Amino acid sequence: MRKGLVLPGLLAVVIALAPTAGAAPGTINVNGERFDDPSGCVDVAQVSGNLEIHNDTSGPVTVFTHHGCAGDVTGVVPEGSVNTFFGASISA
């Protein structure tokens, strides 16, 4: 009888502790344009090019070559860092 109660209880704990998707608190500046509390994928350039990224959020920013966070990952900017990568979109 105990086995039937352990699995649902364990599943409830795992769900409660799972991280939730949401905005990264803070700001990202890309080539002088400010993005407050970014969430998910953000297109930051009309065409792919060099992006100077100031990451003042609580997590890393991933840079992609194409819009919609498609294509290759060209770099990752850790929290509190500044770096330049080629791309058109970012994910925070």
PDB file of N, CA and C in Angstrom:
ATOM      1  N   MET A   1       0.815  -1.196   0.000  1.00  0.00           N
ATOM      2  CA  MET A   1       0.000   0.000   0.000  1.00  0.00           C
ATOM      3  C   MET A   1       0.860   1.262   0.000  1.00  0.00           C
ATOM      4  N   ARG A   2       2.003   1.240   0.641  1.00  0.00           N
ATOM      5  CA  ARG A   2       2.864   2.417   0.715  1.00  0.00           C
ATOM      6  C   ARG A   2       3.429   2.800  -0.646  1.00  0.00           C
ATOM      7  N   LYS A   3       3.736   1.824  -1.491  1.00  0.00           N
ATOM      8  CA  LYS A   3       4.312   2.114  -2.796  1.00  0.00           C
ATOM      9  C   LYS A   3       3.392   3.010  -3.616  1.00  0.00           C
ATOM     10  N   GLY A   4       2.112   2.844  -3.497  1.00  0.00           N
ATOM     11  CA  GLY A   4       1.151   3.647  -4.240  1.00  0.00           C
ATOM     12  C   GLY A   4       1.141   5.107  -3.806  1.00  0.00           C
ATOM     13  N   LEU A   5       1.582   5.405  -2.595  1.00  0.00           N
ATOM     14  CA  LEU A   5       1.593   6.777  -2.095  1.00  0.00           C
ATOM     15  C   LEU A   5       2.920   7.486  -2.330  1.00  0.00           C
ATOM     16  N   VAL A   6       3.999   6.749  -2.435  1.00  0.00           N
ATOM     17  CA  VAL A   6       5.323   7.351  -2.557  1.00  0.00           C
ATOM     18  C   VAL A   6       5.485   8.062  -3.893  1.00  0.00           C
ATOM     19  N   LEU A   7       5.135   7.415  -4.990  1.00  0.00           N
ATOM     20  CA  LEU A   7       5.329   8.008  -6.314  1.00  0.00           C
ATOM     21  C   LEU A   7       4.547   9.309  -6.501  1.00  0.00           C
ATOM     22  N   PRO A   8       3.250   9.362  -6.174  1.00  0.00           N
ATOM     23  CA  PRO A   8       2.552  10.644  -6.317  1.00  0.00           C
ATOM     24  C   PRO A   8       3.129  11.731  -5.412  1.00  0.00           C
ATOM     25  N   GLY A   9       3.549  11.362  -4.201  1.00  0.00           N
ATOM     26  CA  GLY A   9       4.143  12.340  -3.296  1.00  0.00           C
ATOM     27  C   GLY A   9       5.463  12.869  -3.831  1.00  0.00           C
ATOM     28  N   LEU A  10       6.289  11.990  -4.369  1.00  0.00           N
ATOM     29  CA  LEU A  10       7.562  12.384  -4.958  1.00  0.00           C
ATOM     30  C   LEU A  10       7.342  13.273  -6.172  1.00  0.00           C
ATOM     31  N   LEU A  11       6.389  12.939  -6.998  1.00  0.00           N
ATOM     32  CA  LEU A  11       6.067  13.742  -8.174  1.00  0.00           C
ATOM     33  C   LEU A  11       5.625  15.142  -7.767  1.00  0.00           C
ATOM     34  N   ALA A  12       4.846  15.266  -6.723  1.00  0.00           N
ATOM     35  CA  ALA A  12       4.400  16.582  -6.256  1.00  0.00           C
ATOM     36  C   ALA A  12       5.587  17.424  -5.783  1.00  0.00           C
ATOM     37  N   VAL A  13       6.567  16.804  -5.119  1.00  0.00           N
ATOM     38  CA  VAL A  13       7.750  17.530  -4.652  1.00  0.00           C
ATOM     39  C   VAL A  13       8.582  17.994  -5.838  1.00  0.00           C
ATOM     40  N   VAL A  14       8.775  17.140  -6.839  1.00  0.00           N
ATOM     41  CA  VAL A  14       9.561  17.508  -8.020  1.00  0.00           C
ATOM     42  C   VAL A  14       8.903  18.661  -8.756  1.00  0.00           C
ATOM     43  N   ILE A  15       7.605  18.631  -8.928  1.00  0.00           N
ATOM     44  CA  ILE A  15       6.888  19.713  -9.612  1.00  0.00           C
ATOM     45  C   ILE A  15       7.012  21.012  -8.821  1.00  0.00           C
ATOM     46  N   ALA A  16       6.911  20.939  -7.516  1.00  0.00           N
ATOM     47  CA  ALA A  16       6.996  22.137  -6.688  1.00  0.00           C
ATOM     48  C   ALA A  16       8.383  22.766  -6.738  1.00  0.00           C
ATOM     49  N   LEU A  17       9.428  21.966  -6.913  1.00  0.00           N
ATOM     50  CA  LEU A  17      10.790  22.475  -6.924  1.00  0.00           C
ATOM     51  C   LEU A  17      11.292  22.828  -8.320  1.00  0.00           C
ATOM     52  N   ALA A  18      10.558  22.468  -9.360  1.00  0.00           N
ATOM     53  CA  ALA A  18      10.994  22.740 -10.731  1.00  0.00           C
ATOM     54  C   ALA A  18      11.022  24.236 -10.985  1.00  0.00           C
ATOM     55  N   PRO A  19      12.069  24.715 -11.685  1.00  0.00           N
ATOM     56  CA  PRO A  19      12.136  26.146 -11.999  1.00  0.00           C
ATOM     57  C   PRO A  19      11.042  26.525 -12.978  1.00  0.00           C
ATOM     58  N   THR A  20      10.582  27.744 -12.870  1.00  0.00           N
ATOM     59  CA  THR A  20       9.551  28.217 -13.776  1.00  0.00           C
ATOM     60  C   THR A  20      10.153  29.192 -14.769  1.00  0.00           C
ATOM     61  N   ALA A  21       9.627  29.205 -15.965  1.00  0.00           N
ATOM     62  CA  ALA A  21      10.102  30.137 -16.982  1.00  0.00           C
ATOM     63  C   ALA A  21       9.564  31.523 -16.663  1.00  0.00           C
ATOM     64  N   GLY A  22      10.379  32.517 -16.902  1.00  0.00           N
ATOM     65  CA  GLY A  22       9.953  33.878 -16.646  1.00  0.00           C
ATOM     66  C   GLY A  22      11.030  34.849 -17.047  1.00  0.00           C
ATOM     67  N   ALA A  23      10.801  36.072 -16.745  1.00  0.00           N
ATOM     68  CA  ALA A  23      11.748  37.111 -17.101  1.00  0.00           C
ATOM     69  C   ALA A  23      13.015  37.000 -16.274  1.00  0.00           C
ATOM     70  N   ALA A  24      14.128  37.355 -16.905  1.00  0.00           N
ATOM     71  CA  ALA A  24      15.393  37.443 -16.172  1.00  0.00           C
ATOM     72  C   ALA A  24      15.444  38.829 -15.551  1.00  0.00           C
ATOM     73  N   PRO A  25      15.400  38.919 -14.223  1.00  0.00           N
ATOM     74  CA  PRO A  25      15.388  40.239 -13.592  1.00  0.00           C
ATOM     75  C   PRO A  25      16.644  41.031 -13.953  1.00  0.00           C
ATOM     76  N   GLY A  26      16.451  42.272 -14.339  1.00  0.00           N
ATOM     77  CA  GLY A  26      17.568  43.137 -14.679  1.00  0.00           C
ATOM     78  C   GLY A  26      17.429  43.688 -16.087  1.00  0.00           C
ATOM     79  N   THR A  27      18.538  44.169 -16.622  1.00  0.00           N
ATOM     80  CA  THR A  27      18.514  44.756 -17.963  1.00  0.00           C
ATOM     81  C   THR A  27      19.631  44.192 -18.825  1.00  0.00           C
ATOM     82  N   ILE A  28      19.369  44.202 -20.118  1.00  0.00           N
ATOM     83  CA  ILE A  28      20.378  43.884 -21.123  1.00  0.00           C
ATOM     84  C   ILE A  28      20.426  45.077 -22.068  1.00  0.00           C
ATOM     85  N   ASN A  29      21.621  45.569 -22.339  1.00  0.00           N
ATOM     86  CA  ASN A  29      21.811  46.619 -23.329  1.00  0.00           C
ATOM     87  C   ASN A  29      22.521  46.013 -24.527  1.00  0.00           C
ATOM     88  N   VAL A  30      21.912  46.174 -25.703  1.00  0.00           N
ATOM     89  CA  VAL A  30      22.499  45.656 -26.936  1.00  0.00           C
ATOM     90  C   VAL A  30      22.689  46.829 -27.887  1.00  0.00           C
ATOM     91  N   ASN A  31      23.941  47.139 -28.184  1.00  0.00           N
ATOM     92  CA  ASN A  31      24.278  48.268 -29.063  1.00  0.00           C
ATOM     93  C   ASN A  31      23.544  49.539 -28.643  1.00  0.00           C
ATOM     94  N   GLY A  32      23.437  49.748 -27.328  1.00  0.00           N
ATOM     95  CA  GLY A  32      22.824  50.957 -26.793  1.00  0.00           C
ATOM     96  C   GLY A  32      21.320  50.891 -26.583  1.00  0.00           C
ATOM     97  N   GLU A  33      20.668  49.806 -27.018  1.00  0.00           N
ATOM     98  CA  GLU A  33      19.221  49.656 -26.807  1.00  0.00           C
ATOM     99  C   GLU A  33      18.991  48.822 -25.557  1.00  0.00           C
ATOM    100  N   ARG A  34      18.124  49.318 -24.676  1.00  0.00           N
ATOM    101  CA  ARG A  34      17.878  48.688 -23.373  1.00  0.00           C
ATOM    102  C   ARG A  34      16.670  47.755 -23.437  1.00  0.00           C
ATOM    103  N   PHE A  35      16.834  46.575 -22.836  1.00  0.00           N
ATOM    104  CA  PHE A  35      15.754  45.594 -22.695  1.00  0.00           C
ATOM    105  C   PHE A  35      15.614  45.285 -21.212  1.00  0.00           C
ATOM    106  N   ASP A  36      14.467  45.673 -20.626  1.00  0.00           N
ATOM    107  CA  ASP A  36      14.209  45.454 -19.201  1.00  0.00           C
ATOM    108  C   ASP A  36      13.554  44.101 -18.969  1.00  0.00           C
ATOM    109  N   ASP A  37      14.060  43.377 -17.984  1.00  0.00           N
ATOM    110  CA  ASP A  37      13.507  42.076 -17.584  1.00  0.00           C
ATOM    111  C   ASP A  37      13.180  41.203 -18.794  1.00  0.00           C
ATOM    112  N   PRO A  38      14.172  40.906 -19.639  1.00  0.00           N
ATOM    113  CA  PRO A  38      13.908  40.135 -20.856  1.00  0.00           C
ATOM    114  C   PRO A  38      13.431  38.725 -20.543  1.00  0.00           C
ATOM    115  N   SER A  39      12.597  38.203 -21.424  1.00  0.00           N
ATOM    116  CA  SER A  39      12.060  36.864 -21.246  1.00  0.00           C
ATOM    117  C   SER A  39      12.066  36.136 -22.588  1.00  0.00           C
ATOM    118  N   GLY A  40      12.654  34.957 -22.613  1.00  0.00           N
ATOM    119  CA  GLY A  40      12.660  34.162 -23.830  1.00  0.00           C
ATOM    120  C   GLY A  40      13.562  34.751 -24.897  1.00  0.00           C
ATOM    121  N   CYS A  41      13.143  34.598 -26.147  1.00  0.00           N
ATOM    122  CA  CYS A  41      13.920  35.047 -27.295  1.00  0.00           C
ATOM    123  C   CYS A  41      13.563  36.488 -27.647  1.00  0.00           C
ATOM    124  N   VAL A  42      14.599  37.302 -27.917  1.00  0.00           N
ATOM    125  CA  VAL A  42      14.391  38.698 -28.295  1.00  0.00           C
ATOM    126  C   VAL A  42      15.193  38.973 -29.559  1.00  0.00           C
ATOM    127  N   ASP A  43      14.516  39.420 -30.621  1.00  0.00           N
ATOM    128  CA  ASP A  43      15.208  39.862 -31.828  1.00  0.00           C
ATOM    129  C   ASP A  43      15.770  41.246 -31.552  1.00  0.00           C
ATOM    130  N   VAL A  44      17.090  41.407 -31.695  1.00  0.00           N
ATOM    131  CA  VAL A  44      17.729  42.657 -31.308  1.00  0.00           C
ATOM    132  C   VAL A  44      18.362  43.405 -32.476  1.00  0.00           C
ATOM    133  N   ALA A  45      18.337  42.826 -33.672  1.00  0.00           N
ATOM    134  CA  ALA A  45      18.897  43.490 -34.843  1.00  0.00           C
ATOM    135  C   ALA A  45      18.085  43.123 -36.077  1.00  0.00           C
ATOM    136  N   GLN A  46      17.969  44.065 -37.016  1.00  0.00           N
ATOM    137  CA  GLN A  46      17.230  43.780 -38.257  1.00  0.00           C
ATOM    138  C   GLN A  46      17.983  42.778 -39.120  1.00  0.00           C
ATOM    139  N   VAL A  47      19.293  42.865 -39.121  1.00  0.00           N
ATOM    140  CA  VAL A  47      20.142  41.909 -39.831  1.00  0.00           C
ATOM    141  C   VAL A  47      21.254  41.470 -38.887  1.00  0.00           C
ATOM    142  N   SER A  48      21.800  40.301 -39.136  1.00  0.00           N
ATOM    143  CA  SER A  48      22.887  39.804 -38.290  1.00  0.00           C
ATOM    144  C   SER A  48      24.084  40.734 -38.365  1.00  0.00           C
ATOM    145  N   GLY A  49      24.713  40.963 -37.234  1.00  0.00           N
ATOM    146  CA  GLY A  49      25.888  41.818 -37.165  1.00  0.00           C
ATOM    147  C   GLY A  49      26.516  41.728 -35.792  1.00  0.00           C
ATOM    148  N   ASN A  50      27.527  42.558 -35.562  1.00  0.00           N
ATOM    149  CA  ASN A  50      28.176  42.574 -34.255  1.00  0.00           C
ATOM    150  C   ASN A  50      27.261  43.201 -33.220  1.00  0.00           C
ATOM    151  N   LEU A  51      27.089  42.518 -32.103  1.00  0.00           N
ATOM    152  CA  LEU A  51      26.228  42.981 -31.012  1.00  0.00           C
ATOM    153  C   LEU A  51      27.076  43.172 -29.767  1.00  0.00           C
ATOM    154  N   GLU A  52      27.159  44.398 -29.276  1.00  0.00           N
ATOM    155  CA  GLU A  52      27.825  44.636 -27.998  1.00  0.00           C
ATOM    156  C   GLU A  52      26.772  44.477 -26.908  1.00  0.00           C
ATOM    157  N   ILE A  53      26.956  43.483 -26.057  1.00  0.00           N
ATOM    158  CA  ILE A  53      25.937  43.098 -25.081  1.00  0.00           C
ATOM    159  C   ILE A  53      26.446  43.352 -23.673  1.00  0.00           C
ATOM    160  N   HIS A  54      25.693  44.170 -22.927  1.00  0.00           N
ATOM    161  CA  HIS A  54      25.940  44.424 -21.507  1.00  0.00           C
ATOM    162  C   HIS A  54      24.867  43.648 -20.750  1.00  0.00           C
ATOM    163  N   ASN A  55      25.257  42.599 -20.066  1.00  0.00           N
ATOM    164  CA  ASN A  55      24.301  41.738 -19.371  1.00  0.00           C
ATOM    165  C   ASN A  55      24.255  42.093 -17.888  1.00  0.00           C
ATOM    166  N   ASP A  56      23.216  42.799 -17.497  1.00  0.00           N
ATOM    167  CA  ASP A  56      22.995  43.139 -16.091  1.00  0.00           C
ATOM    168  C   ASP A  56      21.767  42.398 -15.555  1.00  0.00           C
ATOM    169  N   THR A  57      21.632  41.116 -15.936  1.00  0.00           N
ATOM    170  CA  THR A  57      20.548  40.273 -15.432  1.00  0.00           C
ATOM    171  C   THR A  57      21.127  39.260 -14.452  1.00  0.00           C
ATOM    172  N   SER A  58      20.272  38.381 -13.973  1.00  0.00           N
ATOM    173  CA  SER A  58      20.697  37.373 -12.996  1.00  0.00           C
ATOM    174  C   SER A  58      21.130  36.064 -13.652  1.00  0.00           C
ATOM    175  N   GLY A  59      21.236  36.046 -14.984  1.00  0.00           N
ATOM    176  CA  GLY A  59      21.628  34.820 -15.667  1.00  0.00           C
ATOM    177  C   GLY A  59      22.331  35.108 -16.975  1.00  0.00           C
ATOM    178  N   PRO A  60      22.791  34.062 -17.654  1.00  0.00           N
ATOM    179  CA  PRO A  60      23.517  34.247 -18.907  1.00  0.00           C
ATOM    180  C   PRO A  60      22.599  34.665 -20.061  1.00  0.00           C
ATOM    181  N   VAL A  61      23.192  35.297 -21.063  1.00  0.00           N
ATOM    182  CA  VAL A  61      22.498  35.669 -22.296  1.00  0.00           C
ATOM    183  C   VAL A  61      23.155  34.884 -23.426  1.00  0.00           C
ATOM    184  N   THR A  62      22.355  34.160 -24.194  1.00  0.00           N
ATOM    185  CA  THR A  62      22.848  33.382 -25.323  1.00  0.00           C
ATOM    186  C   THR A  62      22.568  34.148 -26.605  1.00  0.00           C
ATOM    187  N   VAL A  63      23.565  34.205 -27.500  1.00  0.00           N
ATOM    188  CA  VAL A  63      23.460  34.964 -28.748  1.00  0.00           C
ATOM    189  C   VAL A  63      23.324  33.983 -29.922  1.00  0.00           C
ATOM    190  N   PHE A  64      22.358  34.267 -30.821  1.00  0.00           N
ATOM    191  CA  PHE A  64      22.087  33.410 -31.976  1.00  0.00           C
ATOM    192  C   PHE A  64      22.306  34.179 -33.278  1.00  0.00           C
ATOM    193  N   THR A  65      22.680  33.474 -34.335  1.00  0.00           N
ATOM    194  CA  THR A  65      22.982  34.122 -35.614  1.00  0.00           C
ATOM    195  C   THR A  65      21.746  34.678 -36.312  1.00  0.00           C
ATOM    196  N   HIS A  66      20.581  34.073 -36.115  1.00  0.00           N
ATOM    197  CA  HIS A  66      19.373  34.476 -36.846  1.00  0.00           C
ATOM    198  C   HIS A  66      18.260  34.927 -35.900  1.00  0.00           C
ATOM    199  N   HIS A  67      17.242  35.570 -36.476  1.00  0.00           N
ATOM    200  CA  HIS A  67      16.052  35.960 -35.707  1.00  0.00           C
ATOM    201  C   HIS A  67      15.373  34.724 -35.142  1.00  0.00           C
ATOM    202  N   GLY A  68      14.609  34.930 -34.081  1.00  0.00           N
ATOM    203  CA  GLY A  68      13.857  33.836 -33.473  1.00  0.00           C
ATOM    204  C   GLY A  68      14.734  32.821 -32.767  1.00  0.00           C
ATOM    205  N   CYS A  69      15.934  33.239 -32.380  1.00  0.00           N
ATOM    206  CA  CYS A  69      16.894  32.358 -31.707  1.00  0.00           C
ATOM    207  C   CYS A  69      17.153  31.096 -32.521  1.00  0.00           C
ATOM    208  N   ALA A  70      17.255  31.300 -33.837  1.00  0.00           N
ATOM    209  CA  ALA A  70      17.554  30.203 -34.759  1.00  0.00           C
ATOM    210  C   ALA A  70      19.005  30.326 -35.220  1.00  0.00           C
ATOM    211  N   GLY A  71      19.493  29.266 -35.811  1.00  0.00           N
ATOM    212  CA  GLY A  71      20.860  29.253 -36.302  1.00  0.00           C
ATOM    213  C   GLY A  71      21.832  28.841 -35.214  1.00  0.00           C
ATOM    214  N   ASP A  72      23.070  29.198 -35.435  1.00  0.00           N
ATOM    215  CA  ASP A  72      24.129  28.813 -34.497  1.00  0.00           C
ATOM    216  C   ASP A  72      24.169  29.727 -33.284  1.00  0.00           C
ATOM    217  N   VAL A  73      24.632  29.177 -32.176  1.00  0.00           N
ATOM    218  CA  VAL A  73      24.937  29.975 -30.986  1.00  0.00           C
ATOM    219  C   VAL A  73      26.343  30.519 -31.201  1.00  0.00           C
ATOM    220  N   THR A  74      26.472  31.847 -31.167  1.00  0.00           N
ATOM    221  CA  THR A  74      27.780  32.451 -31.401  1.00  0.00           C
ATOM    222  C   THR A  74      28.481  32.841 -30.106  1.00  0.00           C
ATOM    223  N   GLY A  75      27.749  32.857 -29.002  1.00  0.00           N
ATOM    224  CA  GLY A  75      28.384  33.181 -27.741  1.00  0.00           C
ATOM    225  C   GLY A  75      27.406  33.216 -26.591  1.00  0.00           C
ATOM    226  N   VAL A  76      27.962  33.255 -25.402  1.00  0.00           N
ATOM    227  CA  VAL A  76      27.185  33.373 -24.169  1.00  0.00           C
ATOM    228  C   VAL A  76      27.834  34.466 -23.332  1.00  0.00           C
ATOM    229  N   VAL A  77      27.018  35.420 -22.880  1.00  0.00           N
ATOM    230  CA  VAL A  77      27.499  36.509 -22.034  1.00  0.00           C
ATOM    231  C   VAL A  77      27.044  36.225 -20.608  1.00  0.00           C
ATOM    232  N   PRO A  78      27.981  35.915 -19.707  1.00  0.00           N
ATOM    233  CA  PRO A  78      27.599  35.624 -18.324  1.00  0.00           C
ATOM    234  C   PRO A  78      26.985  36.855 -17.638  1.00  0.00           C
ATOM    235  N   GLU A  79      26.255  36.606 -16.567  1.00  0.00           N
ATOM    236  CA  GLU A  79      25.661  37.709 -15.805  1.00  0.00           C
ATOM    237  C   GLU A  79      26.743  38.677 -15.352  1.00  0.00           C
ATOM    238  N   GLY A  80      26.428  39.970 -15.434  1.00  0.00           N
ATOM    239  CA  GLY A  80      27.357  40.999 -15.001  1.00  0.00           C
ATOM    240  C   GLY A  80      28.519  41.248 -15.943  1.00  0.00           C
ATOM    241  N   SER A  81      28.446  40.737 -17.175  1.00  0.00           N
ATOM    242  CA  SER A  81      29.561  40.852 -18.119  1.00  0.00           C
ATOM    243  C   SER A  81      29.183  41.666 -19.353  1.00  0.00           C
ATOM    244  N   VAL A  82      30.215  42.065 -20.097  1.00  0.00           N
ATOM    245  CA  VAL A  82      30.058  42.756 -21.372  1.00  0.00           C
ATOM    246  C   VAL A  82      30.894  42.000 -22.393  1.00  0.00           C
ATOM    247  N   ASN A  83      30.293  41.759 -23.576  1.00  0.00           N
ATOM    248  CA  ASN A  83      31.039  41.095 -24.637  1.00  0.00           C
ATOM    249  C   ASN A  83      30.397  41.418 -25.973  1.00  0.00           C
ATOM    250  N   THR A  84      31.103  41.156 -27.062  1.00  0.00           N
ATOM    251  CA  THR A  84      30.598  41.401 -28.404  1.00  0.00           C
ATOM    252  C   THR A  84      30.596  40.083 -29.178  1.00  0.00           C
ATOM    253  N   PHE A  85      29.433  39.764 -29.759  1.00  0.00           N
ATOM    254  CA  PHE A  85      29.289  38.574 -30.574  1.00  0.00           C
ATOM    255  C   PHE A  85      28.499  38.910 -31.827  1.00  0.00           C
ATOM    256  N   PHE A  86      28.650  38.113 -32.871  1.00  0.00           N
ATOM    257  CA  PHE A  86      27.884  38.250 -34.099  1.00  0.00           C
ATOM    258  C   PHE A  86      26.530  37.578 -33.909  1.00  0.00           C
ATOM    259  N   GLY A  87      25.445  38.267 -34.296  1.00  0.00           N
ATOM    260  CA  GLY A  87      24.126  37.647 -34.165  1.00  0.00           C
ATOM    261  C   GLY A  87      22.995  38.588 -34.507  1.00  0.00           C
ATOM    262  N   ALA A  88      21.763  38.089 -34.329  1.00  0.00           N
ATOM    263  CA  ALA A  88      20.557  38.877 -34.586  1.00  0.00           C
ATOM    264  C   ALA A  88      19.535  38.742 -33.477  1.00  0.00           C
ATOM    265  N   SER A  89      19.682  37.721 -32.604  1.00  0.00           N
ATOM    266  CA  SER A  89      18.722  37.551 -31.508  1.00  0.00           C
ATOM    267  C   SER A  89      19.449  37.000 -30.287  1.00  0.00           C
ATOM    268  N   ILE A  90      18.794  37.198 -29.133  1.00  0.00           N
ATOM    269  CA  ILE A  90      19.351  36.727 -27.861  1.00  0.00           C
ATOM    270  C   ILE A  90      18.272  36.006 -27.070  1.00  0.00           C
ATOM    271  N   SER A  91      18.718  35.183 -26.152  1.00  0.00           N
ATOM    272  CA  SER A  91      17.805  34.505 -25.244  1.00  0.00           C
ATOM    273  C   SER A  91      18.336  34.675 -23.831  1.00  0.00           C
ATOM    274  N   ALA A  92      17.445  35.106 -22.924  1.00  0.00           N
ATOM    275  CA  ALA A  92      17.864  35.320 -21.539  1.00  0.00           C
ATOM    276  C   ALA A  92      17.072  34.427 -20.608  1.00  0.00           C
TER     277      ALA A  92
END
